[in-house]
Amino acid sequence: MTLDPRAAIAAAPMHWRQVAVVALCIALNALDGFDVLAISFAAPGIAAEWGIDRATLGVVLSMELLGMAAGSVVIGNVADRIGRRPTILGCLIVMAAGMMAAAFARDVTMLSVIRFVTGIGIGGMLSSTSAMVAEFSNDKRRGLNVALNIAGYSTGAILGGVVASALLASTGDWRSVFMLGAVASTVAIPLAIFMLPESIESLIARRPAGALESVNRTLGRLGHAAVDALPPPPAQVVKPSIGSLFSRSYAGVTVLLTIAYFAQILFFYYIQKWIPKIVVDLGFDAAQAGGVLVWANVGNLTGAVVIGLASQRFDLRPLVAGSMLIGFFAIGAFGLAGADLMRLSLTAAIAAFFINAGVVGLYPILAQTYPAALRASGTGFVIGVGRGGSALGPVVAGALFAGGSSLLVVSLTMGIGGLVAATMVFLLPWAQRRARP
């Protein structure tokens, strides 16, 4: 009997080539993190140069989130249909071109359109790399690797933020931030071409022409013996479609996970999008505001790593729900920090730790919930709809600020998302039991 190559990869220690694939996907998500936050670092300069108010700025800040929503849903389904590798390469090209174009934007409308298109590439990248990492990891390291992949987002925000703050301090030109992202994304294209093979699980699920040869070629590179034939297809083939996500087996968890991600990511992007403007309005300059956002992303990264490590020893669901609940109280502390740069940095970092632990913890849950044929589609749908809703976050916060609400009131209002998300995560076992025949 031919050994299933998926079982061989799941049981064996990770080969260095598997580690390299995971590492490159983490690096690509680091680009995602910087590309998304580039507009946040640039926001004070844009508002000053173009004379736009908070409400209009909130709309601009939300545009790539809308693009990410479309990219996650549409491109995630494309990745299940044509493969992970070509989808990742296409998204990377869109990101590089979009960052370059943003540096030459001349008005709010032009910049908004560019950020929307860039967001499509970012959203597709996130869902595709999440599936790729899960499929190149063994059973022991899968949860940790998926969490580290998402942590790459915060790593990019931290490292890119340090450089962006230095650029803003030396040049005073917000366009330099986008140029930095364009150069970094362009450099990553040849690395992805040479280092990313197609995943074996995707090849087996899709069975394109030459699938057996491609599977054996990748198995050889990973130090495994070739197989004589592909594993037989399942008795009931799952089609990579939105309809499959709402079949009896997956409808309940799809709804709960989508609501959870929607609510938690709305909460997350309040921190990510508004910190620079909040800090500047408290009397600090743009470079100092960027520093506070960097500290928030230190909290993001630490929370992601801790939740990934903890997932190897403890049940993930209560860890994720607990982080979401604590995040609500932590954001209240940020709302009370006042015009003190140290308190703002510390409370932002603590709040971001718990908020992002809740976000990142959802990704291993998604990888465990959906089979290979639906993994990118399921992940893409959940984060796509979630990010579409999260685009409301900066807008709602902007409207609350414009209406005269205090920092504490706005922070706690946005923090309600964490309470909603925790409730959905607690309900997941109930939905999975109801789906069983």
Protein backbone atom coordinates (compact mmCIF):
# COMPACT_ATOMS: atom_id res chain seq x y z
CA MET A 1 0.00 0.00 0.00
CA THR A 2 1.39 3.40 -1.01
CA LEU A 3 2.09 5.72 1.89
CA ASP A 4 0.05 8.92 1.84
CA PRO A 5 2.64 11.72 1.36
CA ARG A 6 0.54 14.04 3.53
CA ALA A 7 0.84 11.58 6.43
CA ALA A 8 4.60 11.28 5.89
CA ILE A 9 5.07 15.06 6.10
CA ALA A 10 2.74 15.33 9.10
CA ALA A 11 4.64 12.70 11.12
CA ALA A 12 8.28 13.42 10.20
CA PRO A 13 10.54 16.16 11.60
CA MET A 14 10.55 19.27 9.46
CA HIS A 15 13.16 19.34 6.68
CA TRP A 16 15.18 22.53 6.28
CA ARG A 17 13.33 23.26 3.03
CA GLN A 18 10.03 23.18 4.91
CA VAL A 19 11.49 25.59 7.45
CA ALA A 20 12.62 27.83 4.55
CA VAL A 21 9.10 27.87 3.07
CA VAL A 22 7.61 28.81 6.45
CA ALA A 23 10.28 31.48 6.98
CA LEU A 24 9.65 33.04 3.56
CA CYS A 25 5.90 33.10 4.16
CA ILE A 26 6.55 34.84 7.48
CA ALA A 27 8.70 37.39 5.62
CA LEU A 28 5.94 37.96 3.06
CA ASN A 29 3.48 38.60 5.88
CA ALA A 30 6.00 41.03 7.34
CA LEU A 31 5.69 42.95 4.08
CA ASP A 32 1.91 42.75 4.53
CA GLY A 33 2.25 44.28 7.98
CA PHE A 34 4.33 47.19 6.81
CA ASP A 35 2.29 47.77 3.65
CA VAL A 36 -0.95 47.97 5.65
CA LEU A 37 0.51 50.29 8.27
CA ALA A 38 2.34 52.53 5.81
CA ILE A 39 -0.79 54.65 5.52
CA SER A 40 -0.91 54.98 9.34
CA PHE A 41 2.67 56.25 9.49
CA ALA A 42 1.95 58.60 6.60
CA ALA A 43 -1.46 59.77 7.89
CA PRO A 44 -0.34 62.86 9.87
CA GLY A 45 1.66 64.13 6.88
CA ILE A 46 -1.19 63.43 4.45
CA ALA A 47 -3.70 65.24 6.68
CA ALA A 48 -1.41 68.25 7.02
CA GLU A 49 -0.48 68.50 3.32
CA TRP A 50 -3.96 67.99 1.90
CA GLY A 51 -5.91 69.65 4.72
CA ILE A 52 -8.34 66.78 5.34
CA ASP A 53 -10.31 66.28 8.56
CA ARG A 54 -10.51 63.21 10.81
CA ALA A 55 -13.65 61.82 9.23
CA THR A 56 -12.16 61.94 5.70
CA LEU A 57 -8.89 60.50 6.98
CA GLY A 58 -10.82 57.62 8.53
CA VAL A 59 -12.21 56.76 5.09
CA VAL A 60 -8.72 56.82 3.54
CA LEU A 61 -7.39 54.63 6.34
CA SER A 62 -10.12 52.07 5.62
CA MET A 63 -9.63 51.69 1.87
CA GLU A 64 -6.96 48.98 1.89
CA LEU A 65 -9.05 47.08 4.46
CA LEU A 66 -11.89 46.97 1.94
CA GLY A 67 -9.41 45.78 -0.68
CA MET A 68 -8.10 43.16 1.73
CA ALA A 69 -11.66 41.94 2.27
CA ALA A 70 -12.17 41.47 -1.47
CA GLY A 71 -8.73 39.94 -1.89
CA SER A 72 -9.16 37.47 0.97
CA VAL A 73 -12.49 36.12 -0.30
CA VAL A 74 -11.81 36.14 -4.04
CA ILE A 75 -8.08 35.37 -4.09
CA GLY A 76 -8.40 32.80 -1.31
CA ASN A 77 -10.81 30.85 -3.52
CA VAL A 78 -8.42 31.28 -6.46
CA ALA A 79 -5.62 29.74 -4.36
CA ASP A 80 -7.75 26.63 -3.79
CA ARG A 81 -8.50 26.41 -7.52
CA ILE A 82 -5.11 27.14 -9.17
CA GLY A 83 -2.65 26.60 -6.31
CA ARG A 84 -0.83 28.48 -3.57
CA ARG A 85 2.38 29.33 -5.44
CA PRO A 86 1.00 31.26 -8.46
CA THR A 87 -1.47 33.08 -6.23
CA ILE A 88 1.25 34.25 -3.83
CA LEU A 89 3.43 35.48 -6.71
CA GLY A 90 0.55 37.43 -8.24
CA CYS A 91 -0.32 39.07 -4.92
CA LEU A 92 3.30 40.08 -4.37
CA ILE A 93 3.44 41.84 -7.74
CA VAL A 94 0.22 43.75 -6.95
CA MET A 95 1.63 44.83 -3.58
CA ALA A 96 4.89 46.13 -5.07
CA ALA A 97 3.10 48.07 -7.80
CA GLY A 98 0.55 49.50 -5.36
CA MET A 99 3.14 50.79 -2.91
CA MET A 100 5.05 52.48 -5.73
CA ALA A 101 1.88 54.09 -7.09
CA ALA A 102 0.88 55.43 -3.63
CA ALA A 103 4.09 57.45 -3.49
CA PHE A 104 2.90 59.38 -6.56
CA ALA A 105 -0.72 59.96 -5.47
CA ARG A 106 -1.87 63.57 -5.86
CA ASP A 107 -5.22 63.63 -4.04
CA VAL A 108 -7.46 61.71 -1.65
CA THR A 109 -9.43 59.96 -4.39
CA MET A 110 -6.34 58.72 -6.22
CA LEU A 111 -4.72 57.50 -3.01
CA SER A 112 -7.91 55.75 -1.91
CA VAL A 113 -8.18 53.80 -5.18
CA ILE A 114 -4.51 52.81 -5.04
CA ARG A 115 -4.82 51.63 -1.45
CA PHE A 116 -7.92 49.58 -2.31
CA VAL A 117 -6.07 47.76 -5.12
CA THR A 118 -3.02 47.22 -2.92
CA GLY A 119 -5.31 45.76 -0.28
CA ILE A 120 -6.50 43.10 -2.74
CA GLY A 121 -2.95 41.80 -3.01
CA ILE A 122 -2.41 41.97 0.75
CA GLY A 123 -5.63 40.10 1.52
CA GLY A 124 -4.89 37.37 -1.01
CA MET A 125 -1.36 37.00 0.34
CA LEU A 126 -2.57 36.48 3.90
CA SER A 127 -5.04 33.70 3.08
CA SER A 128 -2.65 31.98 0.66
CA THR A 129 0.39 31.97 2.94
CA SER A 130 -1.74 30.77 5.87
CA ALA A 131 -2.71 27.70 3.84
CA MET A 132 0.86 27.23 2.56
CA VAL A 133 2.37 27.28 6.05
CA ALA A 134 -0.22 24.84 7.43
CA GLU A 135 0.46 22.44 4.56
CA PHE A 136 4.26 22.54 4.80
CA SER A 137 4.27 22.01 8.59
CA ASN A 138 4.24 18.73 10.47
CA ASP A 139 1.60 18.00 13.09
CA LYS A 140 3.84 18.98 16.00
CA ARG A 141 4.69 22.45 14.70
CA ARG A 142 1.60 23.38 12.69
CA GLY A 143 -0.13 25.52 15.32
CA LEU A 144 3.08 27.34 16.20
CA ASN A 145 4.06 27.91 12.56
CA VAL A 146 0.64 29.28 11.61
CA ALA A 147 0.79 31.66 14.58
CA LEU A 148 4.35 32.74 13.69
CA ASN A 149 3.25 33.33 10.11
CA ILE A 150 0.63 35.79 11.29
CA ALA A 151 3.17 37.24 13.73
CA GLY A 152 5.20 38.16 10.67
CA TYR A 153 2.67 40.95 10.17
CA SER A 154 3.71 42.58 13.44
CA THR A 155 7.39 41.96 12.76
CA GLY A 156 7.10 43.90 9.52
CA ALA A 157 5.23 46.67 11.28
CA ILE A 158 7.92 46.91 13.96
CA LEU A 159 11.00 46.81 11.71
CA GLY A 160 9.36 48.88 8.99
CA GLY A 161 8.03 51.28 11.58
CA VAL A 162 11.47 51.93 13.01
CA VAL A 163 12.78 52.74 9.52
CA ALA A 164 9.66 54.72 8.61
CA SER A 165 9.92 56.84 11.76
CA ALA A 166 13.56 57.57 10.93
CA LEU A 167 12.60 58.47 7.36
CA LEU A 168 9.86 60.80 8.57
CA ALA A 169 12.20 62.42 11.07
CA SER A 170 14.91 63.01 8.44
CA THR A 171 12.86 63.83 5.34
CA GLY A 172 9.47 64.93 6.66
CA ASP A 173 7.97 63.43 3.48
CA TRP A 174 5.21 60.85 3.92
CA ARG A 175 5.85 59.53 0.38
CA SER A 176 9.17 58.04 1.50
CA VAL A 177 7.23 55.50 3.59
CA PHE A 178 5.52 54.10 0.50
CA MET A 179 8.77 54.02 -1.45
CA LEU A 180 10.31 51.89 1.29
CA GLY A 181 7.46 49.39 0.97
CA ALA A 182 7.74 49.32 -2.83
CA VAL A 183 11.46 48.50 -2.75
CA ALA A 184 11.05 45.76 -0.11
CA SER A 185 8.15 44.11 -1.98
CA THR A 186 10.05 44.16 -5.28
CA VAL A 187 13.10 42.47 -3.71
CA ALA A 188 10.86 39.66 -2.40
CA ILE A 189 9.57 38.67 -5.86
CA PRO A 190 12.65 36.69 -7.06
CA LEU A 191 12.97 35.05 -3.63
CA ALA A 192 9.40 33.75 -3.88
CA ILE A 193 9.96 32.51 -7.44
CA PHE A 194 12.94 30.36 -6.46
CA MET A 195 12.01 29.26 -2.94
CA LEU A 196 8.28 28.50 -2.93
CA PRO A 197 7.13 25.16 -4.43
CA GLU A 198 3.47 24.22 -4.70
CA SER A 199 2.12 22.48 -1.60
CA ILE A 200 1.59 18.71 -1.77
CA GLU A 201 -1.83 18.96 -0.11
CA SER A 202 -2.98 21.47 -2.73
CA LEU A 203 -1.74 19.25 -5.57
CA ILE A 204 -3.53 16.21 -4.16
CA ALA A 205 -6.75 18.14 -3.56
CA ARG A 206 -6.77 19.74 -7.06
CA ARG A 207 -5.12 16.88 -9.07
CA PRO A 208 -3.95 18.98 -12.05
CA ALA A 209 -2.09 17.42 -15.00
CA GLY A 210 1.32 16.20 -13.85
CA ALA A 211 0.30 16.25 -10.18
CA LEU A 212 2.06 12.96 -9.34
CA GLU A 213 5.35 14.15 -10.85
CA SER A 214 5.10 17.47 -8.98
CA VAL A 215 4.31 15.70 -5.70
CA ASN A 216 7.30 13.35 -6.10
CA ARG A 217 9.60 16.22 -7.02
CA THR A 218 8.67 18.07 -3.84
CA LEU A 219 8.87 14.88 -1.75
CA GLY A 220 12.42 14.32 -3.02
CA ARG A 221 13.43 17.84 -2.05
CA LEU A 222 12.01 17.26 1.42
CA GLY A 223 13.93 14.00 1.89
CA HIS A 224 10.98 11.61 1.43
CA ALA A 225 10.62 8.62 -0.90
CA ALA A 226 8.56 8.96 -4.07
CA VAL A 227 5.07 7.46 -4.27
CA ASP A 228 3.65 5.30 -7.06
CA ALA A 229 0.25 6.97 -7.16
CA LEU A 230 -1.72 9.77 -5.59
CA PRO A 231 -3.95 8.83 -2.64
CA PRO A 232 -7.49 8.01 -3.77
CA PRO A 233 -9.86 10.98 -3.76
CA PRO A 234 -12.35 11.16 -0.88
CA ALA A 235 -15.73 9.50 -1.34
CA GLN A 236 -17.36 12.91 -1.17
CA VAL A 237 -15.33 15.58 -2.98
CA VAL A 238 -15.46 19.01 -1.38
CA LYS A 239 -15.59 21.74 -4.00
CA PRO A 240 -13.65 24.95 -3.26
CA SER A 241 -16.64 27.28 -3.20
CA ILE A 242 -18.51 29.59 -0.86
CA GLY A 243 -21.43 27.16 -0.98
CA SER A 244 -19.29 24.42 0.57
CA LEU A 245 -18.47 26.71 3.48
CA PHE A 246 -22.18 26.85 4.26
CA SER A 247 -22.89 23.14 3.90
CA ARG A 248 -24.13 21.22 6.94
CA SER A 249 -20.59 20.30 7.96
CA TYR A 250 -19.20 23.83 7.98
CA ALA A 251 -22.02 26.40 8.15
CA GLY A 252 -22.09 26.80 11.93
CA VAL A 253 -18.37 27.20 12.43
CA THR A 254 -18.10 29.46 9.37
CA VAL A 255 -20.69 31.84 10.81
CA LEU A 256 -19.19 31.87 14.30
CA LEU A 257 -15.60 32.26 13.10
CA THR A 258 -16.58 35.04 10.71
CA ILE A 259 -18.36 37.00 13.43
CA ALA A 260 -15.45 36.44 15.83
CA TYR A 261 -12.88 37.61 13.31
CA PHE A 262 -15.06 40.55 12.25
CA ALA A 263 -15.41 41.80 15.82
CA GLN A 264 -11.83 41.19 16.94
CA ILE A 265 -10.16 42.63 13.84
CA LEU A 266 -12.35 45.75 14.11
CA PHE A 267 -10.94 46.14 17.62
CA PHE A 268 -7.39 45.44 16.37
CA TYR A 269 -7.46 48.05 13.61
CA TYR A 270 -8.67 50.76 15.95
CA ILE A 271 -5.25 50.49 17.63
CA GLN A 272 -3.32 50.09 14.38
CA LYS A 273 -4.94 52.91 12.43
CA TRP A 274 -5.57 55.62 15.00
CA ILE A 275 -2.59 55.57 17.37
CA PRO A 276 -0.41 57.98 15.30
CA LYS A 277 -3.20 60.56 14.94
CA ILE A 278 -4.24 60.21 18.59
CA VAL A 279 -0.67 60.76 19.80
CA VAL A 280 -0.10 63.73 17.46
CA ASP A 281 -3.34 65.34 18.68
CA LEU A 282 -2.09 64.98 22.26
CA GLY A 283 0.81 67.31 21.36
CA PHE A 284 3.57 65.00 20.12
CA ASP A 285 5.24 65.00 16.69
CA ALA A 286 4.82 62.40 13.93
CA ALA A 287 8.08 60.59 14.75
CA GLN A 288 7.06 60.18 18.41
CA ALA A 289 3.62 58.99 17.32
CA GLY A 290 5.26 56.40 15.08
CA GLY A 291 7.28 55.26 18.09
CA VAL A 292 4.10 54.56 20.08
CA LEU A 293 2.75 52.52 17.16
CA VAL A 294 6.00 50.56 17.06
CA TRP A 295 5.56 49.70 20.75
CA ALA A 296 2.01 48.58 20.02
CA ASN A 297 3.40 46.24 17.41
CA VAL A 298 5.98 44.94 19.87
CA GLY A 299 2.94 43.95 21.93
CA ASN A 300 1.34 42.45 18.81
CA LEU A 301 4.41 40.34 18.05
CA THR A 302 4.87 39.17 21.61
CA GLY A 303 1.21 38.21 21.91
CA ALA A 304 1.39 36.23 18.66
CA VAL A 305 4.51 34.31 19.71
CA VAL A 306 3.15 33.56 23.18
CA ILE A 307 -0.20 32.27 21.88
CA GLY A 308 1.66 30.11 19.31
CA LEU A 309 3.94 28.56 21.94
CA ALA A 310 1.04 28.06 24.35
CA SER A 311 -0.97 26.26 21.64
CA GLN A 312 1.55 23.40 21.76
CA ARG A 313 0.74 22.68 25.42
CA PHE A 314 -2.77 23.96 26.14
CA ASP A 315 -6.23 23.95 24.58
CA LEU A 316 -6.23 26.88 22.17
CA ARG A 317 -9.88 27.94 22.42
CA PRO A 318 -9.94 29.19 26.05
CA LEU A 319 -6.58 30.90 25.54
CA VAL A 320 -7.95 32.82 22.58
CA ALA A 321 -11.24 33.75 24.23
CA GLY A 322 -9.46 34.82 27.43
CA SER A 323 -7.09 37.07 25.48
CA MET A 324 -10.04 38.74 23.79
CA LEU A 325 -11.71 39.46 27.13
CA ILE A 326 -8.57 40.88 28.75
CA GLY A 327 -8.01 43.07 25.68
CA PHE A 328 -11.23 44.94 26.45
CA PHE A 329 -9.96 46.03 29.88
CA ALA A 330 -6.46 46.76 28.55
CA ILE A 331 -7.79 49.19 25.95
CA GLY A 332 -9.56 51.03 28.78
CA ALA A 333 -6.16 51.60 30.39
CA PHE A 334 -4.92 53.07 27.09
CA GLY A 335 -7.92 55.42 27.07
CA LEU A 336 -6.88 56.71 30.50
CA ALA A 337 -3.16 57.16 29.68
CA GLY A 338 -3.39 60.90 28.94
CA ALA A 339 -0.64 63.01 27.37
CA ASP A 340 2.23 60.93 28.73
CA LEU A 341 4.35 59.28 26.05
CA MET A 342 5.61 56.48 28.30
CA ARG A 343 2.12 55.58 29.57
CA LEU A 344 0.73 55.70 26.04
CA SER A 345 3.48 53.37 24.78
CA LEU A 346 3.14 50.92 27.68
CA THR A 347 -0.65 50.70 27.66
CA ALA A 348 -0.74 50.44 23.86
CA ALA A 349 1.75 47.57 23.98
CA ILE A 350 -0.21 45.70 26.69
CA ALA A 351 -3.53 46.16 24.92
CA ALA A 352 -2.03 45.08 21.59
CA PHE A 353 -0.54 41.96 23.25
CA PHE A 354 -3.95 40.59 24.20
CA ILE A 355 -5.86 41.92 21.20
CA ASN A 356 -3.46 40.38 18.69
CA ALA A 357 -3.19 37.12 20.64
CA GLY A 358 -6.93 36.84 20.07
CA VAL A 359 -6.56 37.56 16.34
CA VAL A 360 -3.60 35.24 15.77
CA GLY A 361 -5.14 32.40 17.77
CA LEU A 362 -8.02 32.26 15.31
CA TYR A 363 -5.72 31.22 12.43
CA PRO A 364 -4.70 27.79 13.80
CA ILE A 365 -8.38 27.23 14.58
CA LEU A 366 -9.19 28.00 10.93
CA ALA A 367 -6.44 25.63 9.70
CA GLN A 368 -7.81 22.84 11.90
CA THR A 369 -11.43 23.44 10.92
CA TYR A 370 -11.22 23.29 7.10
CA PRO A 371 -9.76 20.51 4.87
CA ALA A 372 -7.11 21.24 2.22
CA ALA A 373 -9.71 21.67 -0.54
CA LEU A 374 -11.36 24.45 1.47
CA ARG A 375 -8.48 25.76 3.59
CA ALA A 376 -7.64 28.91 1.62
CA SER A 377 -11.31 29.49 0.73
CA GLY A 378 -12.42 29.13 4.36
CA THR A 379 -9.59 31.22 5.72
CA GLY A 380 -10.10 33.78 2.96
CA PHE A 381 -13.85 34.04 3.53
CA VAL A 382 -13.57 34.44 7.29
CA ILE A 383 -10.81 37.04 7.18
CA GLY A 384 -12.26 38.67 4.06
CA VAL A 385 -15.69 39.30 5.53
CA GLY A 386 -14.03 40.13 8.84
CA ARG A 387 -11.73 42.69 7.27
CA GLY A 388 -14.60 44.12 5.25
CA GLY A 389 -16.39 44.79 8.50
CA SER A 390 -13.21 46.00 10.15
CA ALA A 391 -13.00 48.72 7.54
CA LEU A 392 -15.80 50.27 9.57
CA GLY A 393 -13.50 50.45 12.59
CA PRO A 394 -11.43 53.49 11.58
CA VAL A 395 -14.54 55.17 10.19
CA VAL A 396 -16.58 54.60 13.37
CA ALA A 397 -13.70 55.75 15.57
CA GLY A 398 -13.25 58.83 13.38
CA ALA A 399 -16.93 59.67 13.63
CA LEU A 400 -16.87 59.25 17.43
CA PHE A 401 -13.82 61.50 17.73
CA ALA A 402 -15.40 64.07 15.39
CA GLY A 403 -18.53 64.00 17.55
CA GLY A 404 -16.51 64.99 20.62
CA SER A 405 -16.18 61.61 22.37
CA SER A 406 -13.21 61.23 24.71
CA LEU A 407 -10.36 58.81 24.10
CA LEU A 408 -11.68 56.53 26.88
CA VAL A 409 -15.22 56.41 25.46
CA VAL A 410 -13.99 55.68 21.93
CA SER A 411 -11.57 53.01 23.19
CA LEU A 412 -14.18 51.14 25.24
CA THR A 413 -16.74 51.38 22.44
CA MET A 414 -14.31 49.79 19.99
CA GLY A 415 -13.34 47.24 22.67
CA ILE A 416 -16.85 45.78 22.65
CA GLY A 417 -15.64 43.88 19.60
CA GLY A 418 -13.41 41.78 21.86
CA LEU A 419 -16.38 40.80 24.03
CA VAL A 420 -18.39 39.72 21.00
CA ALA A 421 -15.46 37.73 19.57
CA ALA A 422 -14.88 35.87 22.85
CA THR A 423 -18.54 34.83 22.94
CA MET A 424 -18.32 33.37 19.42
CA VAL A 425 -15.18 31.39 20.28
CA PHE A 426 -16.85 29.90 23.38
CA LEU A 427 -19.74 28.74 21.16
CA LEU A 428 -17.53 26.89 18.63
CA PRO A 429 -17.76 23.41 20.24
CA TRP A 430 -21.55 23.69 20.26
CA ALA A 431 -21.59 24.43 16.52
CA GLN A 432 -19.19 21.55 15.77
CA ARG A 433 -21.33 19.07 17.74
CA ARG A 434 -24.48 20.15 15.89
CA ALA A 435 -22.74 19.61 12.52
CA ARG A 436 -21.92 15.95 13.23
CA PRO A 437 -24.29 13.37 11.69
